[in-house]
C-alpha atoms as a PDB file:
ATOM      1  CA  MET A   1      -0.078   0.176  -0.263  1.00  0.00           C
ATOM      2  CA  ASN A   2       1.440   3.621  -0.864  1.00  0.00           C
ATOM      3  CA  PHE A   3       0.889   5.449   2.176  1.00  0.00           C
ATOM      4  CA  GLY A   4       0.232   9.207   1.519  1.00  0.00           C
ATOM      5  CA  GLY A   5      -0.837  10.745   5.014  1.00  0.00           C
ATOM      6  CA  PHE A   6      -2.103  10.212   8.197  1.00  0.00           C
ATOM      7  CA  GLN A   7      -4.346  11.821  10.650  1.00  0.00           C
ATOM      8  CA  LYS A   8      -4.818  11.214  14.197  1.00  0.00           C
ATOM      9  CA  THR A   9      -7.784  12.597  14.937  1.00  0.00           C
ATOM     10  CA  SER A  10     -11.039  13.163  12.974  1.00  0.00           C
ATOM     11  CA  LEU A  11     -14.791  13.867  14.145  1.00  0.00           C
ATOM     12  CA  ILE A  12     -16.433  14.844  10.798  1.00  0.00           C
ATOM     13  CA  ASP A  13     -14.894  11.823   8.398  1.00  0.00           C
ATOM     14  CA  TYR A  14     -16.432   8.843   9.944  1.00  0.00           C
ATOM     15  CA  PRO A  15     -20.662   9.711  10.430  1.00  0.00           C
ATOM     16  CA  GLY A  16     -21.412   8.986  14.269  1.00  0.00           C
ATOM     17  CA  ASN A  17     -17.625   8.197  14.774  1.00  0.00           C
ATOM     18  CA  ILE A  18     -14.592   9.602  15.957  1.00  0.00           C
ATOM     19  CA  SER A  19     -11.921   8.257  13.714  1.00  0.00           C
ATOM     20  CA  CYS A  20      -7.924   8.228  12.463  1.00  0.00           C
ATOM     21  CA  VAL A  21      -7.776   9.083   8.727  1.00  0.00           C
ATOM     22  CA  LEU A  22      -5.544   6.958   6.431  1.00  0.00           C
ATOM     23  CA  PHE A  23      -4.803   8.625   2.865  1.00  0.00           C
ATOM     24  CA  LEU A  24      -3.378   6.458   0.123  1.00  0.00           C
ATOM     25  CA  SER A  25      -1.386   7.875  -2.636  1.00  0.00           C
ATOM     26  CA  GLY A  26      -2.751   6.996  -6.251  1.00  0.00           C
ATOM     27  CA  CYS A  27      -6.068   7.385  -8.276  1.00  0.00           C
ATOM     28  CA  ASN A  28      -6.690   6.528 -11.782  1.00  0.00           C
ATOM     29  CA  LEU A  29      -9.117   9.617 -12.537  1.00  0.00           C
ATOM     30  CA  VAL A  30      -8.043  13.211 -12.387  1.00  0.00           C
ATOM     31  CA  CYS A  31     -11.014  15.320 -11.273  1.00  0.00           C
ATOM     32  CA  PRO A  32      -9.866  18.892 -11.562  1.00  0.00           C
ATOM     33  CA  TYR A  33     -11.644  19.890  -8.173  1.00  0.00           C
ATOM     34  CA  CYS A  34      -9.490  16.797  -6.411  1.00  0.00           C
ATOM     35  CA  HIS A  35      -8.376  18.366  -3.143  1.00  0.00           C
ATOM     36  CA  ASN A  36      -6.050  15.831  -2.238  1.00  0.00           C
ATOM     37  CA  PRO A  37      -3.225  16.610  -5.775  1.00  0.00           C
ATOM     38  CA  GLU A  38      -0.242  15.604  -4.030  1.00  0.00           C
ATOM     39  CA  LEU A  39      -2.233  11.892  -3.714  1.00  0.00           C
ATOM     40  CA  VAL A  40      -3.361  11.519  -7.217  1.00  0.00           C
ATOM     41  CA  ARG A  41      -0.062  12.510  -8.494  1.00  0.00           C
ATOM     42  CA  GLY A  42       2.024  10.974  -5.848  1.00  0.00           C
ATOM     43  CA  ASP A  43       4.644  13.780  -5.420  1.00  0.00           C
ATOM     44  CA  GLY A  44       3.670  14.702  -1.975  1.00  0.00           C
ATOM     45  CA  PRO A  45       5.794  14.533   1.435  1.00  0.00           C
ATOM     46  CA  VAL A  46       5.435  11.492   3.196  1.00  0.00           C
ATOM     47  CA  PRO A  47       7.004  11.021   6.994  1.00  0.00           C
ATOM     48  CA  ASP A  48       9.358   8.438   6.437  1.00  0.00           C
ATOM     49  CA  TYR A  49       7.897   6.655  10.008  1.00  0.00           C
ATOM     50  CA  LEU A  50       4.553   6.331   7.908  1.00  0.00           C
ATOM     51  CA  ASN A  51       3.755   2.527   7.274  1.00  0.00           C
ATOM     52  CA  GLU A  52       1.835  -0.217   7.864  1.00  0.00           C
ATOM     53  CA  ALA A  53       3.883  -1.192  11.376  1.00  0.00           C
ATOM     54  CA  TRP A  54       2.924   2.528  12.799  1.00  0.00           C
ATOM     55  CA  VAL A  55      -0.526   2.785  11.673  1.00  0.00           C
ATOM     56  CA  MET A  56      -0.861  -0.741  13.138  1.00  0.00           C
ATOM     57  CA  ASP A  57       1.216   0.094  16.597  1.00  0.00           C
ATOM     58  CA  PHE A  58      -0.982   3.791  16.697  1.00  0.00           C
ATOM     59  CA  LEU A  59      -3.968   2.143  16.571  1.00  0.00           C
ATOM     60  CA  LYS A  60      -3.507  -0.141  19.793  1.00  0.00           C
ATOM     61  CA  THR A  61      -2.888   2.766  21.417  1.00  0.00           C
ATOM     62  CA  ARG A  62      -6.184   4.143  21.160  1.00  0.00           C
ATOM     63  CA  ILE A  63      -8.547   0.849  21.234  1.00  0.00           C
ATOM     64  CA  GLY A  64     -11.274   2.229  23.321  1.00  0.00           C
ATOM     65  CA  LEU A  65     -10.441   6.037  22.242  1.00  0.00           C
ATOM     66  CA  LEU A  66     -11.196   5.916  18.495  1.00  0.00           C
ATOM     67  CA  ASP A  67     -14.187   3.863  17.136  1.00  0.00           C
ATOM     68  CA  GLY A  68     -12.848   3.328  13.499  1.00  0.00           C
ATOM     69  CA  ILE A  69     -10.174   4.251  10.703  1.00  0.00           C
ATOM     70  CA  VAL A  70     -11.188   6.034   7.378  1.00  0.00           C
ATOM     71  CA  ILE A  71      -9.084   4.412   4.543  1.00  0.00           C
ATOM     72  CA  THR A  72      -9.612   6.822   1.620  1.00  0.00           C
ATOM     73  CA  GLY A  73      -7.085   8.604  -1.033  1.00  0.00           C
ATOM     74  CA  GLY A  74      -6.430   8.973  -3.984  1.00  0.00           C
ATOM     75  CA  GLU A  75      -8.618   5.985  -4.758  1.00  0.00           C
ATOM     76  CA  PRO A  76      -8.002   2.869  -1.688  1.00  0.00           C
ATOM     77  CA  THR A  77      -9.177  -0.191  -3.948  1.00  0.00           C
ATOM     78  CA  LEU A  78      -6.262   0.043  -6.157  1.00  0.00           C
ATOM     79  CA  SER A  79      -4.432  -1.371  -3.596  1.00  0.00           C
ATOM     80  CA  ARG A  80      -4.603  -5.057  -2.917  1.00  0.00           C
ATOM     81  CA  GLY A  81      -2.867  -4.579   0.328  1.00  0.00           C
ATOM     82  CA  ILE A  82      -5.742  -2.778   1.296  1.00  0.00           C
ATOM     83  CA  PHE A  83      -7.396  -6.752   2.363  1.00  0.00           C
ATOM     84  CA  SER A  84      -4.708  -7.775   4.604  1.00  0.00           C
ATOM     85  CA  PHE A  85      -4.661  -4.372   6.317  1.00  0.00           C
ATOM     86  CA  SER A  86      -8.095  -4.435   6.877  1.00  0.00           C
ATOM     87  CA  GLU A  87      -8.045  -7.957   8.433  1.00  0.00           C
ATOM     88  CA  LYS A  88      -5.276  -6.653  10.605  1.00  0.00           C
ATOM     89  CA  VAL A  89      -7.469  -3.405  11.718  1.00  0.00           C
ATOM     90  CA  LYS A  90     -10.485  -5.592  12.121  1.00  0.00           C
ATOM     91  CA  GLU A  91      -8.622  -7.646  14.685  1.00  0.00           C
ATOM     92  CA  LEU A  92      -7.607  -4.724  16.705  1.00  0.00           C
ATOM     93  CA  GLY A  93     -11.400  -4.069  17.192  1.00  0.00           C
ATOM     94  CA  PHE A  94     -11.988  -0.916  14.976  1.00  0.00           C
ATOM     95  CA  LYS A  95     -14.611  -0.330  12.856  1.00  0.00           C
ATOM     96  CA  ILE A  96     -13.585   0.677   8.708  1.00  0.00           C
ATOM     97  CA  LYS A  97     -15.005   3.282   6.353  1.00  0.00           C
ATOM     98  CA  LEU A  98     -13.804   3.168   3.012  1.00  0.00           C
ATOM     99  CA  ASP A  99     -14.121   6.153   0.484  1.00  0.00           C
ATOM    100  CA  THR A 100     -13.939   4.969  -2.997  1.00  0.00           C
ATOM    101  CA  ASN A 101     -14.312   6.324  -6.593  1.00  0.00           C
ATOM    102  CA  GLY A 102     -16.224   3.612  -7.402  1.00  0.00           C
ATOM    103  CA  THR A 103     -14.151   2.219 -10.439  1.00  0.00           C
ATOM    104  CA  HIS A 104     -13.681  -0.949  -8.941  1.00  0.00           C
ATOM    105  CA  PRO A 105     -16.856  -2.615  -8.025  1.00  0.00           C
ATOM    106  CA  GLU A 106     -15.037  -6.091  -7.444  1.00  0.00           C
ATOM    107  CA  VAL A 107     -12.878  -4.626  -4.999  1.00  0.00           C
ATOM    108  CA  ILE A 108     -15.852  -2.994  -2.755  1.00  0.00           C
ATOM    109  CA  ARG A 109     -17.678  -6.083  -3.320  1.00  0.00           C
ATOM    110  CA  ASP A 110     -15.174  -8.482  -2.124  1.00  0.00           C
ATOM    111  CA  LEU A 111     -14.327  -6.331   0.843  1.00  0.00           C
ATOM    112  CA  MET A 112     -18.411  -5.854   2.094  1.00  0.00           C
ATOM    113  CA  GLU A 113     -18.693  -9.868   1.539  1.00  0.00           C
ATOM    114  CA  LYS A 114     -15.330 -10.422   4.115  1.00  0.00           C
ATOM    115  CA  ARG A 115     -17.124  -7.879   6.534  1.00  0.00           C
ATOM    116  CA  LEU A 116     -13.861  -5.923   5.891  1.00  0.00           C
ATOM    117  CA  ILE A 117     -15.617  -2.502   5.886  1.00  0.00           C
ATOM    118  CA  ASP A 118     -18.470  -1.058   8.269  1.00  0.00           C
ATOM    119  CA  TYR A 119     -19.146   1.979   5.574  1.00  0.00           C
ATOM    120  CA  CYS A 120     -18.629   2.742   2.251  1.00  0.00           C
ATOM    121  CA  ALA A 121     -18.676   6.451   0.458  1.00  0.00           C
ATOM    122  CA  MET A 122     -18.567   6.430  -3.176  1.00  0.00           C
ATOM    123  CA  ASP A 123     -18.333   9.306  -4.778  1.00  0.00           C
ATOM    124  CA  ILE A 124     -20.648   9.929  -7.999  1.00  0.00           C
ATOM    125  CA  LYS A 125     -18.960  12.592 -10.581  1.00  0.00           C
ATOM    126  CA  THR A 126     -21.747  12.963 -12.575  1.00  0.00           C
ATOM    127  CA  ASP A 127     -24.073  10.644 -15.106  1.00  0.00           C
ATOM    128  CA  PRO A 128     -21.761   7.797 -15.173  1.00  0.00           C
ATOM    129  CA  MET A 129     -22.194   8.236 -18.750  1.00  0.00           C
ATOM    130  CA  ALA A 130     -20.194  11.035 -18.999  1.00  0.00           C
ATOM    131  CA  TYR A 131     -17.111  10.367 -16.986  1.00  0.00           C
ATOM    132  CA  SER A 132     -14.910   9.647 -19.854  1.00  0.00           C
ATOM    133  CA  SER A 133     -15.313  13.476 -21.157  1.00  0.00           C
ATOM    134  CA  VAL A 134     -13.572  14.920 -17.994  1.00  0.00           C
ATOM    135  CA  PHE A 135     -12.693  12.234 -15.064  1.00  0.00           C
ATOM    136  CA  SER A 136     -11.243   9.454 -16.768  1.00  0.00           C
ATOM    137  CA  ARG A 137      -8.743   8.753 -19.612  1.00  0.00           C
ATOM    138  CA  LYS A 138     -10.756   5.202 -20.087  1.00  0.00           C
ATOM    139  CA  PRO A 139     -14.068   4.162 -20.423  1.00  0.00           C
ATOM    140  CA  VAL A 140     -15.672   3.446 -16.848  1.00  0.00           C
ATOM    141  CA  ALA A 141     -19.263   3.996 -16.967  1.00  0.00           C
ATOM    142  CA  ASP A 142     -20.506   0.123 -16.229  1.00  0.00           C
ATOM    143  CA  ARG A 143     -18.047  -0.154 -13.554  1.00  0.00           C
ATOM    144  CA  ILE A 144     -19.535   2.896 -11.676  1.00  0.00           C
ATOM    145  CA  ILE A 145     -23.081   1.608 -12.419  1.00  0.00           C
ATOM    146  CA  LYS A 146     -22.012  -1.808 -10.919  1.00  0.00           C
ATOM    147  CA  SER A 147     -20.367  -0.413  -7.641  1.00  0.00           C
ATOM    148  CA  ILE A 148     -23.624   1.497  -7.431  1.00  0.00           C
ATOM    149  CA  GLU A 149     -25.491  -1.978  -7.800  1.00  0.00           C
ATOM    150  CA  VAL A 150     -23.085  -3.614  -5.086  1.00  0.00           C
ATOM    151  CA  LEU A 151     -23.489  -0.932  -2.390  1.00  0.00           C
ATOM    152  CA  MET A 152     -27.388  -0.820  -3.055  1.00  0.00           C
ATOM    153  CA  GLY A 153     -27.634  -4.748  -2.623  1.00  0.00           C
ATOM    154  CA  SER A 154     -25.363  -5.148   0.024  1.00  0.00           C
ATOM    155  CA  ASP A 155     -26.455  -4.445   4.036  1.00  0.00           C
ATOM    156  CA  VAL A 156     -22.825  -2.383   4.527  1.00  0.00           C
ATOM    157  CA  PRO A 157     -24.443   1.309   5.459  1.00  0.00           C
ATOM    158  CA  TYR A 158     -23.141   3.599   2.563  1.00  0.00           C
ATOM    159  CA  GLU A 159     -23.922   7.161   1.027  1.00  0.00           C
ATOM    160  CA  PHE A 160     -23.294   8.360  -2.364  1.00  0.00           C
ATOM    161  CA  ARG A 161     -21.447  12.082  -2.623  1.00  0.00           C
ATOM    162  CA  THR A 162     -21.647  14.445  -5.818  1.00  0.00           C
ATOM    163  CA  THR A 163     -19.179  17.676  -5.499  1.00  0.00           C
ATOM    164  CA  CYS A 164     -21.662  20.798  -7.039  1.00  0.00           C
ATOM    165  CA  VAL A 165     -19.348  22.508  -8.927  1.00  0.00           C
ATOM    166  CA  LYS A 166     -20.108  24.491 -12.341  1.00  0.00           C
ATOM    167  CA  PRO A 167     -19.643  23.643 -15.230  1.00  0.00           C
ATOM    168  CA  LEU A 168     -19.292  20.065 -14.229  1.00  0.00           C
ATOM    169  CA  PHE A 169     -22.620  19.754 -11.958  1.00  0.00           C
ATOM    170  CA  ASP A 170     -26.217  21.297 -12.864  1.00  0.00           C
ATOM    171  CA  GLU A 171     -30.024  20.402 -12.662  1.00  0.00           C
ATOM    172  CA  GLU A 172     -29.830  17.681 -15.483  1.00  0.00           C
ATOM    173  CA  VAL A 173     -26.842  16.439 -13.902  1.00  0.00           C
ATOM    174  CA  LEU A 174     -28.396  15.831 -10.887  1.00  0.00           C
ATOM    175  CA  LYS A 175     -31.814  14.078 -12.311  1.00  0.00           C
ATOM    176  CA  ALA A 176     -29.331  11.722 -14.426  1.00  0.00           C
ATOM    177  CA  VAL A 177     -27.587  10.480 -11.205  1.00  0.00           C
ATOM    178  CA  LEU A 178     -30.759  10.140  -9.203  1.00  0.00           C
ATOM    179  CA  THR A 179     -31.803   7.467 -12.012  1.00  0.00           C
ATOM    180  CA  ARG A 180     -29.046   5.701 -11.430  1.00  0.00           C
ATOM    181  CA  ILE A 181     -29.501   5.741  -7.533  1.00  0.00           C
ATOM    182  CA  GLN A 182     -33.386   5.479  -6.708  1.00  0.00           C
ATOM    183  CA  GLY A 183     -34.237   4.605  -3.586  1.00  0.00           C
ATOM    184  CA  ALA A 184     -30.257   5.138  -2.382  1.00  0.00           C
ATOM    185  CA  ARG A 185     -30.113   5.052   1.578  1.00  0.00           C
ATOM    186  CA  ARG A 186     -28.257   8.446   1.759  1.00  0.00           C
ATOM    187  CA  TYR A 187     -26.910  10.895  -0.987  1.00  0.00           C
ATOM    188  CA  VAL A 188     -24.986  13.802  -0.253  1.00  0.00           C
ATOM    189  CA  LEU A 189     -24.341  17.217  -2.025  1.00  0.00           C
ATOM    190  CA  GLN A 190     -21.051  18.617  -1.268  1.00  0.00           C
ATOM    191  CA  GLN A 191     -19.983  21.959  -1.741  1.00  0.00           C
ATOM    192  CA  PHE A 192     -17.260  23.163  -3.919  1.00  0.00           C
ATOM    193  CA  HIS A 193     -14.141  24.678  -2.102  1.00  0.00           C
ATOM    194  CA  PHE A 194     -11.895  26.713  -4.247  1.00  0.00           C
ATOM    195  CA  THR A 195      -8.726  25.749  -2.687  1.00  0.00           C
ATOM    196  CA  LYS A 196      -6.165  23.087  -3.394  1.00  0.00           C
ATOM    197  CA  LEU A 197      -7.515  22.002  -6.465  1.00  0.00           C
ATOM    198  CA  LEU A 198      -5.626  19.163  -8.811  1.00  0.00           C
ATOM    199  CA  ASN A 199      -6.302  21.863 -11.909  1.00  0.00           C
ATOM    200  CA  PRO A 200      -7.622  24.982 -10.719  1.00  0.00           C
ATOM    201  CA  SER A 201      -7.643  26.409 -14.109  1.00  0.00           C
ATOM    202  CA  PHE A 202     -10.199  24.526 -15.187  1.00  0.00           C
ATOM    203  CA  PHE A 203     -12.746  26.706 -13.458  1.00  0.00           C
ATOM    204  CA  GLU A 204     -13.996  30.079 -13.632  1.00  0.00           C
ATOM    205  CA  SER A 205     -13.099  31.350 -10.209  1.00  0.00           C
ATOM    206  CA  GLY A 206     -15.845  32.984  -8.656  1.00  0.00           C
ATOM    207  CA  ASN A 207     -18.335  31.239 -10.556  1.00  0.00           C
ATOM    208  CA  CYS A 208     -18.270  27.729  -9.874  1.00  0.00           C
ATOM    209  CA  GLY A 209     -19.868  27.338  -6.707  1.00  0.00           C
ATOM    210  CA  PHE A 210     -23.910  27.378  -6.200  1.00  0.00           C
ATOM    211  CA  SER A 211     -26.254  29.565  -3.586  1.00  0.00           C
ATOM    212  CA  ASP A 212     -27.697  28.476  -0.815  1.00  0.00           C
ATOM    213  CA  GLU A 213     -31.198  28.619  -2.543  1.00  0.00           C
ATOM    214  CA  GLU A 214     -29.755  26.730  -5.026  1.00  0.00           C
ATOM    215  CA  PHE A 215     -28.511  23.763  -2.803  1.00  0.00           C
ATOM    216  CA  GLN A 216     -32.088  23.914  -1.391  1.00  0.00           C
ATOM    217  CA  GLY A 217     -33.675  23.111  -4.809  1.00  0.00           C
ATOM    218  CA  PHE A 218     -31.014  20.521  -5.689  1.00  0.00           C
ATOM    219  CA  GLN A 219     -31.815  18.836  -1.825  1.00  0.00           C
ATOM    220  CA  ALA A 220     -35.354  19.308  -2.307  1.00  0.00           C
ATOM    221  CA  MET A 221     -35.039  17.617  -5.711  1.00  0.00           C
ATOM    222  CA  ALA A 222     -32.871  14.642  -4.458  1.00  0.00           C
ATOM    223  CA  SER A 223     -34.860  13.709  -1.607  1.00  0.00           C
ATOM    224  CA  GLN A 224     -37.846  12.793  -3.772  1.00  0.00           C
ATOM    225  CA  HIS A 225     -35.584   9.824  -4.898  1.00  0.00           C
ATOM    226  CA  VAL A 226     -33.423   9.100  -2.235  1.00  0.00           C
ATOM    227  CA  ARG A 227     -34.435   8.313   1.423  1.00  0.00           C
ATOM    228  CA  GLU A 228     -32.204  11.193   3.106  1.00  0.00           C
ATOM    229  CA  CYS A 229     -30.161  13.774   1.135  1.00  0.00           C
ATOM    230  CA  MET A 230     -27.910  16.145   2.974  1.00  0.00           C
ATOM    231  CA  VAL A 231     -25.768  18.975   2.441  1.00  0.00           C
ATOM    232  CA  ARG A 232     -22.095  18.782   3.568  1.00  0.00           C
END
């Protein structure tokens, strides 16, 4: 596993739980608004001590203090080492939340079937049929759709997330996404922050976010199709 960073405590990354956060380097998508560009490029500074043994030792000191760990990226499902790592974490009694872009449905499925994750947050960037126009150099629509099906067919808690940013998101995009996740447990509309982006020149600065009123409209629309819709 390519360790890219570590946050010892988080109150917001794992809903309802106090967690630490492990960042893995490497990603197979090129989202222009990505706020962890160094993890995508793999060129960020990484402490010499940050490896699996160090993380396990840290977790042992947090038994009874932390509820779980968030494994994020980059894209964690690129690493086959995630299985053995997750097994060791579970042996210590911690919950695991996985953040994923959904391009490896077979990995998500296997992690769920082996009970190695307790919560999964999957980003849906746009209509899956449109990924190749911005986010991916290769066709990934079938994989995104399959991952949606895997999550919705599992008893593992999950959420879908979409970052709402112009020109990549609008009401028509929302409608397309909602047709894919009809009846989903939770859908999160994420606000865009114009800081530390992978490709800031892609956006027109100052004209890429949405107003509170627009978010309220998006939320009202989504709430008609999913069990819970949140703005974050």
